[in-house]
Amino acid sequence: MNIEELRKNIDAVDDEIIDLIAKRYELVKEVGKIKESSSAAVFVPEREKRIMERLCAKSSFPKEIVSAVFREIISGARLFEHPITISYDKNDIFAIIATLSKFGSCINLKGFHSATEAVEAAENSLNTYAVIRTPSTNTAHPAIDIITINNPSNNNQPLSYAVIGKKI
């Protein structure tokens, strides 16, 4: 096979992938209708964790590749249920990195002047979550998930972030 034939085959596989993602999103829309009628949360970290664990275990690809691809697929799927807004302390440059590592790129980001303001926004709105460095502030709502990233400017020391919001 020459390079053009291989590229044609790759294009055909890409078309199949898009069709399967569209099929997945149609199913997600149905789940969204059920969640909306019961006022269930769009972001369910336990479910997303189980999906990632199952797919990483099933795949022979590196975990990082599988996680990155499906993080974006899931992030896009949330748009069919209800867009998610993430509030964060805009003085914390790593908060966006932590947010994208957890939620993917199909989110609304809203920066606040402090972690306290970010948490207050999350506590007062459905489908809004705060991503704040821990321990940063006290809140009536405990963390519903924890994100850990490495700080490249400090010998990759781990930074922990709490996801705070209403858990339904």
Protein backbone atom coordinates (compact mmCIF):
# COMPACT_ATOMS: atom_id res chain seq x y z
CA MET A 1 0.00 0.00 0.00
CA ASN A 2 1.24 3.50 -0.76
CA ILE A 3 0.87 6.57 1.42
CA GLU A 4 -2.22 7.86 -0.41
CA GLU A 5 -4.04 4.54 0.06
CA LEU A 6 -3.09 4.49 3.73
CA ARG A 7 -4.34 8.06 4.16
CA LYS A 8 -7.60 7.13 2.44
CA ASN A 9 -8.01 4.26 4.93
CA ILE A 10 -7.22 6.60 7.82
CA ASP A 11 -9.87 9.02 6.54
CA ALA A 12 -12.40 6.19 6.44
CA VAL A 13 -11.59 5.26 10.05
CA ASP A 14 -11.93 8.94 11.05
CA ASP A 15 -15.38 8.99 9.43
CA GLU A 16 -16.37 5.92 11.44
CA ILE A 17 -15.11 7.52 14.65
CA ILE A 18 -17.20 10.65 13.99
CA ASP A 19 -20.27 8.51 13.33
CA LEU A 20 -19.74 6.64 16.61
CA ILE A 21 -19.28 9.87 18.55
CA ALA A 22 -22.52 11.18 17.03
CA LYS A 23 -24.26 7.96 18.11
CA ARG A 24 -22.85 8.38 21.63
CA TYR A 25 -24.06 11.98 21.77
CA GLU A 26 -27.59 10.91 20.75
CA LEU A 27 -27.62 8.55 23.73
CA VAL A 28 -26.28 11.32 25.96
CA LYS A 29 -29.16 13.56 24.86
CA GLU A 30 -31.58 10.90 26.10
CA VAL A 31 -29.75 10.71 29.43
CA GLY A 32 -29.90 14.51 29.59
CA LYS A 33 -33.69 14.46 29.24
CA ILE A 34 -33.97 12.02 32.12
CA LYS A 35 -31.57 14.05 34.27
CA GLU A 36 -33.48 17.25 33.50
CA SER A 37 -36.80 15.74 34.54
CA SER A 38 -35.30 14.61 37.84
CA SER A 39 -33.05 17.69 38.34
CA ALA A 40 -29.99 15.45 38.49
CA ALA A 41 -26.49 16.91 38.21
CA VAL A 42 -24.77 17.00 34.83
CA PHE A 43 -21.30 16.42 36.31
CA VAL A 44 -21.12 13.04 38.02
CA PRO A 45 -17.45 12.48 38.87
CA GLU A 46 -17.96 8.88 40.02
CA ARG A 47 -19.49 7.94 36.66
CA GLU A 48 -16.74 9.68 34.69
CA LYS A 49 -14.08 7.97 36.81
CA ARG A 50 -15.63 4.55 36.13
CA ILE A 51 -15.75 5.29 32.39
CA MET A 52 -12.07 6.27 32.33
CA GLU A 53 -10.99 3.28 34.40
CA ARG A 54 -12.96 0.86 32.21
CA LEU A 55 -11.64 2.29 28.95
CA CYS A 56 -8.04 2.53 30.16
CA ALA A 57 -8.18 -1.09 31.33
CA LYS A 58 -9.66 -2.22 28.02
CA SER A 59 -7.19 -0.35 25.79
CA SER A 60 -3.60 -1.22 24.97
CA PHE A 61 -2.91 2.49 24.39
CA PRO A 62 -1.19 4.57 27.06
CA LYS A 63 -3.60 5.69 29.76
CA GLU A 64 -2.81 9.35 29.05
CA ILE A 65 -3.99 9.06 25.44
CA VAL A 66 -7.23 7.27 26.32
CA SER A 67 -7.95 9.72 29.14
CA ALA A 68 -7.29 12.80 26.99
CA VAL A 69 -9.47 11.60 24.11
CA PHE A 70 -12.38 10.58 26.29
CA ARG A 71 -12.09 13.64 28.54
CA GLU A 72 -12.87 15.74 25.46
CA ILE A 73 -15.62 13.41 24.24
CA ILE A 74 -17.27 13.57 27.66
CA SER A 75 -16.72 17.32 27.88
CA GLY A 76 -18.49 17.79 24.56
CA ALA A 77 -21.28 15.45 25.64
CA ARG A 78 -22.04 17.62 28.67
CA LEU A 79 -23.03 20.40 26.27
CA PHE A 80 -25.98 18.24 25.21
CA GLU A 81 -27.12 17.97 28.82
CA HIS A 82 -26.35 21.43 30.15
CA PRO A 83 -23.24 23.60 29.78
CA ILE A 84 -21.06 23.64 32.87
CA THR A 85 -19.46 26.78 34.26
CA ILE A 86 -16.26 26.54 36.25
CA SER A 87 -15.42 29.40 38.58
CA TYR A 88 -11.82 29.79 39.68
CA ASP A 89 -9.44 32.20 41.37
CA LYS A 90 -7.93 34.12 38.46
CA ASN A 91 -4.84 34.82 40.58
CA ASP A 92 -4.02 31.09 40.53
CA ILE A 93 -2.43 30.33 37.16
CA PHE A 94 -2.64 26.58 37.67
CA ALA A 95 -6.39 26.57 38.34
CA ILE A 96 -7.15 26.58 34.61
CA ILE A 97 -4.73 23.70 34.00
CA ALA A 98 -6.42 21.71 36.77
CA THR A 99 -9.85 22.59 35.38
CA LEU A 100 -9.05 21.52 31.83
CA SER A 101 -7.42 18.30 33.08
CA LYS A 102 -10.69 17.38 34.79
CA PHE A 103 -13.48 18.89 32.69
CA GLY A 104 -12.00 19.16 29.19
CA SER A 105 -12.33 22.24 27.02
CA CYS A 106 -16.11 22.36 26.43
CA ILE A 107 -16.84 24.45 29.51
CA ASN A 108 -17.47 28.06 30.44
CA LEU A 109 -14.67 29.54 32.55
CA LYS A 110 -15.35 32.42 34.92
CA GLY A 111 -12.50 34.01 36.84
CA PHE A 112 -12.99 35.63 40.23
CA HIS A 113 -10.75 37.81 42.38
CA SER A 114 -10.48 35.14 45.09
CA ALA A 115 -11.15 31.50 45.81
CA THR A 116 -13.88 32.58 48.22
CA GLU A 117 -15.74 34.44 45.45
CA ALA A 118 -15.35 31.43 43.14
CA VAL A 119 -16.81 29.11 45.77
CA GLU A 120 -19.71 31.47 46.48
CA ALA A 121 -20.58 31.47 42.77
CA ALA A 122 -20.54 27.68 42.70
CA GLU A 123 -22.64 27.35 45.82
CA ASN A 124 -25.33 29.61 44.39
CA SER A 125 -25.73 28.16 40.89
CA LEU A 126 -26.72 24.79 39.48
CA ASN A 127 -24.15 23.28 37.10
CA THR A 128 -21.50 25.71 38.32
CA TYR A 129 -18.47 24.36 40.10
CA ALA A 130 -15.44 25.99 41.67
CA VAL A 131 -11.97 24.62 41.17
CA ILE A 132 -9.78 25.92 43.98
CA ARG A 133 -6.43 25.00 45.41
CA THR A 134 -6.75 23.06 48.65
CA PRO A 135 -6.87 24.05 51.36
CA SER A 136 -7.92 27.49 50.17
CA THR A 137 -11.23 28.32 51.71
CA ASN A 138 -13.91 26.92 53.94
CA THR A 139 -17.25 26.17 52.34
CA ALA A 140 -20.58 24.75 53.33
CA HIS A 141 -20.22 22.24 50.50
CA PRO A 142 -17.38 19.73 50.77
CA ALA A 143 -15.31 18.85 47.73
CA ILE A 144 -17.13 16.53 45.35
CA ASP A 145 -13.89 15.62 43.64
CA ILE A 146 -10.15 16.26 43.91
CA ILE A 147 -7.81 17.10 41.02
CA THR A 148 -4.06 16.69 41.33
CA ILE A 149 -1.67 18.25 38.82
CA ASN A 150 2.09 18.70 38.77
CA ASN A 151 3.57 22.17 39.12
CA PRO A 152 6.16 22.46 36.32
CA SER A 153 7.62 25.62 37.84
CA ASN A 154 8.40 23.83 41.11
CA ASN A 155 10.03 20.48 40.26
CA ASN A 156 6.65 18.96 39.36
CA GLN A 157 5.49 19.13 42.97
CA PRO A 158 1.84 18.05 43.13
CA LEU A 159 -0.86 20.67 43.54
CA SER A 160 -4.28 19.60 44.78
CA TYR A 161 -7.50 21.28 43.74
CA ALA A 162 -10.98 20.73 45.09
CA VAL A 163 -14.07 20.69 42.89
CA ILE A 164 -16.81 22.36 44.86
CA GLY A 165 -20.45 22.66 43.91
CA LYS A 166 -23.90 21.35 44.60
CA LYS A 167 -24.00 17.58 44.52
CA ILE A 168 -27.44 16.26 43.68
